[in-house]
N, C-alpha and C. Protein backbone atom coordinates (compact mmCIF):
# COMPACT_ATOMS: atom_id res chain seq x y z
N MET A 1 115.78 103.42 92.97
CA MET A 1 114.56 103.50 93.63
C MET A 1 113.69 104.64 93.40
N SER A 2 112.53 104.49 93.02
CA SER A 2 111.57 105.77 92.67
C SER A 2 111.25 106.29 93.97
N GLU A 3 111.22 107.65 94.02
CA GLU A 3 110.58 108.33 95.06
C GLU A 3 109.20 109.05 94.63
N TYR A 4 108.30 108.87 95.64
CA TYR A 4 107.00 109.49 95.35
C TYR A 4 106.53 110.72 96.10
N ILE A 5 105.75 111.50 95.61
CA ILE A 5 105.35 112.70 96.23
C ILE A 5 103.83 112.60 96.22
N ASP A 6 103.30 113.51 97.26
CA ASP A 6 101.89 113.73 97.14
C ASP A 6 101.52 114.79 96.09
N ARG A 7 100.63 114.47 95.27
CA ARG A 7 100.19 115.29 94.27
C ARG A 7 99.65 116.70 94.63
N GLU A 8 98.53 116.58 95.81
CA GLU A 8 98.11 117.77 96.33
C GLU A 8 99.26 118.66 96.95
N ALA A 9 100.24 118.14 97.55
CA ALA A 9 101.24 118.83 98.21
C ALA A 9 102.06 119.64 97.24
N ALA A 10 102.38 118.83 96.08
CA ALA A 10 103.14 119.51 95.03
C ALA A 10 102.32 120.74 94.56
N ILE A 11 100.99 120.50 94.06
CA ILE A 11 100.14 121.53 93.57
C ILE A 11 100.18 122.54 94.52
N SER A 12 99.76 122.32 96.08
CA SER A 12 99.94 123.64 96.80
C SER A 12 100.97 124.31 96.95
N ALA A 13 102.16 123.53 96.71
CA ALA A 13 103.60 124.16 96.70
C ALA A 13 103.60 125.20 95.55
N ILE A 14 103.40 124.75 94.49
CA ILE A 14 103.34 125.72 93.30
C ILE A 14 102.69 126.74 93.60
N ARG A 15 101.13 126.46 93.92
CA ARG A 15 100.45 127.66 94.21
C ARG A 15 100.88 128.66 95.14
N GLY A 16 101.49 128.32 96.20
CA GLY A 16 102.22 129.06 97.01
C GLY A 16 103.02 129.99 96.70
N GLU A 17 104.00 129.43 95.50
CA GLU A 17 104.74 130.23 94.75
C GLU A 17 104.00 131.18 94.06
N LEU A 18 103.13 130.83 93.44
CA LEU A 18 102.10 132.02 92.61
C LEU A 18 101.60 132.89 93.43
N GLU A 19 101.41 132.68 94.69
CA GLU A 19 100.86 133.80 95.55
C GLU A 19 102.01 134.87 95.83
N LYS A 20 103.46 134.41 95.75
CA LYS A 20 104.47 135.34 96.02
C LYS A 20 104.80 136.08 94.87
N GLU A 21 104.31 135.71 93.57
CA GLU A 21 104.51 136.50 92.51
C GLU A 21 104.15 137.83 92.25
N ASN A 22 104.70 138.86 91.75
CA ASN A 22 104.11 140.26 91.73
C ASN A 22 103.93 140.39 90.39
N LEU A 23 102.56 140.83 90.03
CA LEU A 23 102.16 140.97 88.55
C LEU A 23 102.54 142.22 87.81
N SER A 24 103.43 143.03 88.50
CA SER A 24 103.64 144.26 88.00
C SER A 24 104.89 144.22 86.55
N ASN A 25 105.23 143.33 86.48
CA ASN A 25 106.23 143.18 85.24
C ASN A 25 105.98 141.86 84.43
N ALA A 26 106.36 142.01 83.06
CA ALA A 26 106.21 140.90 82.25
C ALA A 26 106.79 139.56 82.65
N ALA A 27 108.13 139.59 83.29
CA ALA A 27 108.64 138.16 83.75
C ALA A 27 107.77 137.54 84.58
N SER A 28 107.31 138.38 85.62
CA SER A 28 106.20 137.85 86.50
C SER A 28 105.16 137.25 85.90
N HIS A 29 104.62 137.61 84.89
CA HIS A 29 103.48 137.34 84.11
C HIS A 29 103.79 135.82 83.38
N TYR A 30 104.85 135.59 82.82
CA TYR A 30 105.38 134.71 82.37
C TYR A 30 105.84 133.55 83.35
N ALA A 31 106.20 133.95 84.47
CA ALA A 31 106.32 132.84 85.41
C ALA A 31 105.14 132.35 86.11
N ARG A 32 104.16 133.25 86.15
CA ARG A 32 102.86 132.79 86.60
C ARG A 32 102.25 131.78 85.35
N GLN A 33 102.49 132.02 84.17
CA GLN A 33 102.02 131.08 83.06
C GLN A 33 102.68 129.70 83.33
N GLY A 34 103.99 129.86 83.53
CA GLY A 34 104.79 128.52 83.63
C GLY A 34 104.25 127.98 84.93
N MET A 35 104.08 128.34 85.89
CA MET A 35 103.55 127.70 87.07
C MET A 35 102.01 127.09 86.80
N GLY A 36 101.42 127.74 86.07
CA GLY A 36 99.96 127.34 85.90
C GLY A 36 100.07 126.09 84.96
N THR A 37 101.22 125.96 84.09
CA THR A 37 101.41 124.86 83.27
C THR A 37 101.68 123.66 83.92
N ALA A 38 102.84 124.08 85.06
CA ALA A 38 103.29 122.88 85.88
C ALA A 38 102.23 122.55 86.62
N ILE A 39 101.25 123.17 87.21
CA ILE A 39 99.96 122.71 87.88
C ILE A 39 99.44 121.62 87.01
N SER A 40 99.21 121.96 85.76
CA SER A 40 98.46 121.16 84.73
C SER A 40 98.94 119.72 84.60
N VAL A 41 100.37 120.00 84.41
CA VAL A 41 101.07 118.57 84.19
C VAL A 41 100.94 117.88 85.28
N VAL A 42 101.41 118.41 86.43
CA VAL A 42 101.40 117.52 87.67
C VAL A 42 99.89 117.01 87.84
N SER A 43 98.85 117.55 87.67
CA SER A 43 97.56 117.12 87.83
C SER A 43 97.37 116.02 86.98
N LYS A 44 97.78 115.87 85.62
CA LYS A 44 97.60 115.02 84.72
C LYS A 44 98.55 113.74 84.90
N LEU A 45 99.36 113.74 85.73
CA LEU A 45 100.42 112.59 85.79
C LEU A 45 99.59 111.50 86.48
N PRO A 46 99.90 110.25 85.69
CA PRO A 46 99.29 109.00 86.34
C PRO A 46 99.73 108.66 87.91
N ALA A 47 98.72 108.32 88.79
CA ALA A 47 98.82 108.01 90.17
C ALA A 47 99.84 106.64 90.22
N ALA A 48 100.87 106.64 91.11
CA ALA A 48 101.70 105.57 91.29
C ALA A 48 100.80 104.48 92.39
N ASP A 49 100.93 103.21 92.30
CA ASP A 49 100.16 102.41 93.16
C ASP A 49 101.19 102.04 94.22
N VAL A 50 101.13 102.96 95.54
CA VAL A 50 101.96 102.88 96.45
C VAL A 50 101.35 102.80 97.84
N ALA A 51 101.81 102.15 98.82
CA ALA A 51 101.36 101.77 99.96
C ALA A 51 102.51 102.39 101.21
N PRO A 52 101.92 103.09 102.18
CA PRO A 52 102.90 103.35 103.56
C PRO A 52 103.62 102.20 103.84
N VAL A 53 105.05 102.57 104.37
CA VAL A 53 105.85 101.47 104.96
C VAL A 53 105.61 101.46 106.34
N VAL A 54 105.12 100.19 106.98
CA VAL A 54 105.02 99.98 108.18
C VAL A 54 106.45 99.49 108.87
N HIS A 55 106.91 99.92 109.84
CA HIS A 55 108.11 99.67 110.68
C HIS A 55 107.68 98.90 111.94
N ALA A 56 108.44 97.88 112.27
CA ALA A 56 108.33 97.09 113.53
C ALA A 56 109.51 96.34 113.81
N TYR A 57 109.28 95.48 114.81
CA TYR A 57 110.45 94.61 115.17
C TYR A 57 109.81 93.48 115.86
N TRP A 58 110.70 92.32 115.82
CA TRP A 58 110.14 91.11 116.54
C TRP A 58 110.41 91.05 117.85
N THR A 59 109.30 90.59 118.63
CA THR A 59 109.06 90.53 119.92
C THR A 59 109.17 89.26 120.57
N ASP A 60 109.17 88.93 121.94
CA ASP A 60 109.05 87.83 122.71
C ASP A 60 107.73 86.97 122.57
N GLY A 61 106.80 87.98 122.12
CA GLY A 61 105.11 87.42 121.95
C GLY A 61 104.52 87.71 123.23
N ASN A 62 105.16 87.77 124.40
CA ASN A 62 104.69 88.06 125.73
C ASN A 62 104.42 89.65 126.23
N SER A 63 105.43 90.31 125.54
CA SER A 63 105.58 91.86 126.01
C SER A 63 106.08 92.48 124.85
N THR A 64 106.50 93.54 125.02
CA THR A 64 106.91 94.13 124.15
C THR A 64 108.86 94.20 123.74
N LYS A 65 109.32 93.16 124.58
CA LYS A 65 110.68 92.94 124.68
C LYS A 65 111.16 92.20 123.34
N ARG A 66 112.14 92.78 122.85
CA ARG A 66 112.91 92.28 121.70
C ARG A 66 112.94 90.75 121.69
N TYR A 67 112.76 90.26 120.68
CA TYR A 67 112.85 88.88 120.50
C TYR A 67 114.30 88.37 120.77
N ASP A 68 114.64 87.37 121.54
CA ASP A 68 116.07 86.92 121.40
C ASP A 68 115.92 85.37 121.28
N PRO A 69 116.30 85.06 120.11
CA PRO A 69 116.35 83.49 119.64
C PRO A 69 117.10 82.33 120.89
N LYS A 70 117.93 83.19 121.67
CA LYS A 70 118.62 82.16 122.76
C LYS A 70 117.44 81.58 123.75
N THR A 71 116.49 82.56 124.10
CA THR A 71 115.72 82.29 125.07
C THR A 71 114.15 82.32 124.69
N ASP A 72 113.79 82.71 123.48
CA ASP A 72 112.43 82.89 123.09
C ASP A 72 112.08 81.86 122.00
N ILE A 73 110.97 81.20 122.19
CA ILE A 73 110.54 80.04 121.29
C ILE A 73 110.16 80.80 119.89
N TYR A 74 109.32 81.67 119.74
CA TYR A 74 108.93 82.11 118.44
C TYR A 74 109.09 83.73 118.29
N PRO A 75 109.51 84.18 117.33
CA PRO A 75 109.45 85.84 117.22
C PRO A 75 108.08 86.10 116.64
N TYR A 76 107.41 87.33 117.45
CA TYR A 76 105.98 87.58 117.06
C TYR A 76 106.33 89.16 116.62
N CYS A 77 105.59 89.63 115.49
CA CYS A 77 105.62 90.98 115.04
C CYS A 77 104.98 92.03 116.09
N SER A 78 105.67 93.18 116.08
CA SER A 78 105.12 94.19 117.10
C SER A 78 103.93 94.86 116.54
N ASN A 79 103.81 94.81 115.28
CA ASN A 79 102.75 95.50 114.83
C ASN A 79 101.50 94.69 114.82
N CYS A 80 101.50 93.67 114.15
CA CYS A 80 100.22 92.65 113.97
C CYS A 80 100.17 91.62 115.25
N ARG A 81 101.40 91.39 115.88
CA ARG A 81 101.12 90.35 116.93
C ARG A 81 101.28 88.91 116.49
N LYS A 82 101.35 88.69 115.30
CA LYS A 82 101.46 87.35 114.79
C LYS A 82 102.75 86.89 114.78
N PRO A 83 103.06 85.33 114.73
CA PRO A 83 104.28 84.82 114.68
C PRO A 83 105.03 84.95 113.24
N SER A 84 106.25 84.91 113.42
CA SER A 84 107.07 84.74 112.27
C SER A 84 106.75 83.70 111.13
N ALA A 85 107.42 83.64 110.01
CA ALA A 85 107.22 82.43 109.12
C ALA A 85 107.95 81.27 109.58
N TYR A 86 107.27 80.36 109.38
CA TYR A 86 107.84 78.67 109.84
C TYR A 86 108.99 78.41 108.80
N ASP A 87 110.17 77.90 109.22
CA ASP A 87 111.27 77.52 108.50
C ASP A 87 111.18 76.26 107.95
N CYS A 88 110.16 75.44 108.15
CA CYS A 88 110.18 74.02 107.70
C CYS A 88 111.40 73.08 108.49
N GLY A 89 111.72 73.55 109.35
CA GLY A 89 113.13 72.81 110.08
C GLY A 89 112.65 72.74 111.54
N GLY A 90 111.37 72.90 111.65
CA GLY A 90 110.97 72.78 113.37
C GLY A 90 110.88 74.10 114.05
N GLY A 91 111.07 75.14 113.39
CA GLY A 91 110.85 76.79 114.08
C GLY A 91 110.43 77.81 113.25
N HIS A 92 110.46 78.81 113.87
CA HIS A 92 109.97 80.09 113.22
C HIS A 92 111.50 80.97 113.16
N VAL A 93 111.52 81.84 111.99
CA VAL A 93 112.55 82.54 111.95
C VAL A 93 112.30 84.03 111.69
N ALA A 94 113.12 84.71 112.30
CA ALA A 94 112.92 86.31 112.36
C ALA A 94 113.51 86.84 111.08
N THR A 95 112.53 86.89 110.17
CA THR A 95 112.85 87.32 108.78
C THR A 95 112.91 88.91 108.98
N PRO A 96 113.51 89.35 107.71
CA PRO A 96 113.64 90.92 107.69
C PRO A 96 112.33 91.64 107.45
N GLY A 97 110.99 90.79 107.31
CA GLY A 97 109.76 91.64 107.24
C GLY A 97 108.70 90.48 107.69
N CYS A 98 107.60 91.05 108.18
CA CYS A 98 106.53 90.16 108.57
C CYS A 98 105.81 89.79 107.53
N PRO A 99 105.48 88.20 107.62
CA PRO A 99 104.79 87.76 106.31
C PRO A 99 103.32 87.95 106.34
N TRP A 100 102.94 88.36 107.40
CA TRP A 100 101.39 88.86 107.54
C TRP A 100 100.99 90.08 107.22
N CYS A 101 101.64 91.15 107.86
CA CYS A 101 101.24 92.60 107.62
C CYS A 101 102.42 93.26 106.91
N HIS A 102 103.30 92.60 106.43
CA HIS A 102 104.38 93.17 105.46
C HIS A 102 105.37 94.35 106.31
N ALA A 103 105.15 94.34 107.45
CA ALA A 103 106.05 95.36 108.17
C ALA A 103 107.46 95.02 108.07
N VAL A 104 108.30 96.28 107.88
CA VAL A 104 109.85 95.98 107.93
C VAL A 104 110.44 95.96 108.96
N MET A 105 111.24 95.04 109.63
CA MET A 105 111.70 94.88 110.69
C MET A 105 113.02 95.39 111.12
N ASP A 106 112.60 96.90 111.27
CA ASP A 106 113.89 97.60 111.36
C ASP A 106 113.84 98.89 112.75
N LEU A 107 112.95 98.50 113.48
CA LEU A 107 112.58 99.50 114.63
C LEU A 107 113.62 98.76 116.02
N GLN A 108 113.73 99.55 116.74
CA GLN A 108 114.17 99.14 118.31
C GLN A 108 112.99 99.17 118.97
N GLU A 109 112.80 98.65 120.33
CA GLU A 109 111.67 98.46 121.27
C GLU A 109 111.28 100.04 121.42
N ALA A 110 112.41 101.06 121.73
CA ALA A 110 111.96 102.18 122.06
C ALA A 110 111.20 103.10 120.94
N ASP A 111 111.61 102.71 119.67
CA ASP A 111 111.38 103.41 118.42
C ASP A 111 109.85 103.15 118.35
N HIS A 112 109.17 102.10 118.77
CA HIS A 112 107.66 101.77 118.41
C HIS A 112 106.75 102.21 119.57
N ALA A 113 105.85 102.99 119.13
CA ALA A 113 104.81 103.51 120.07
C ALA A 113 103.41 102.90 119.85
């Protein structure tokens, strides 16, 4: 799986290293040239189409209590408060992700603020 970085954070980190360099010798001069090239390359890379991942959990719909299939009728998303997907068999199912807001259902109640 690909990992993504913030372009401005990468350029800022390179510039931070540039500020640490001492221009008193030739090696430092070439290091600064290399870092300048790195900034140029990073600046020209195409942006990826990524979105932040939202984490949530299925609730009972009336509170923030975790959904219990033995006692609760429908699971509701703790992020958007909408019900889970209909399973075409007479009920809703607690899927690994919310079909409405696309939150990943991997939190515990205490994790969700």
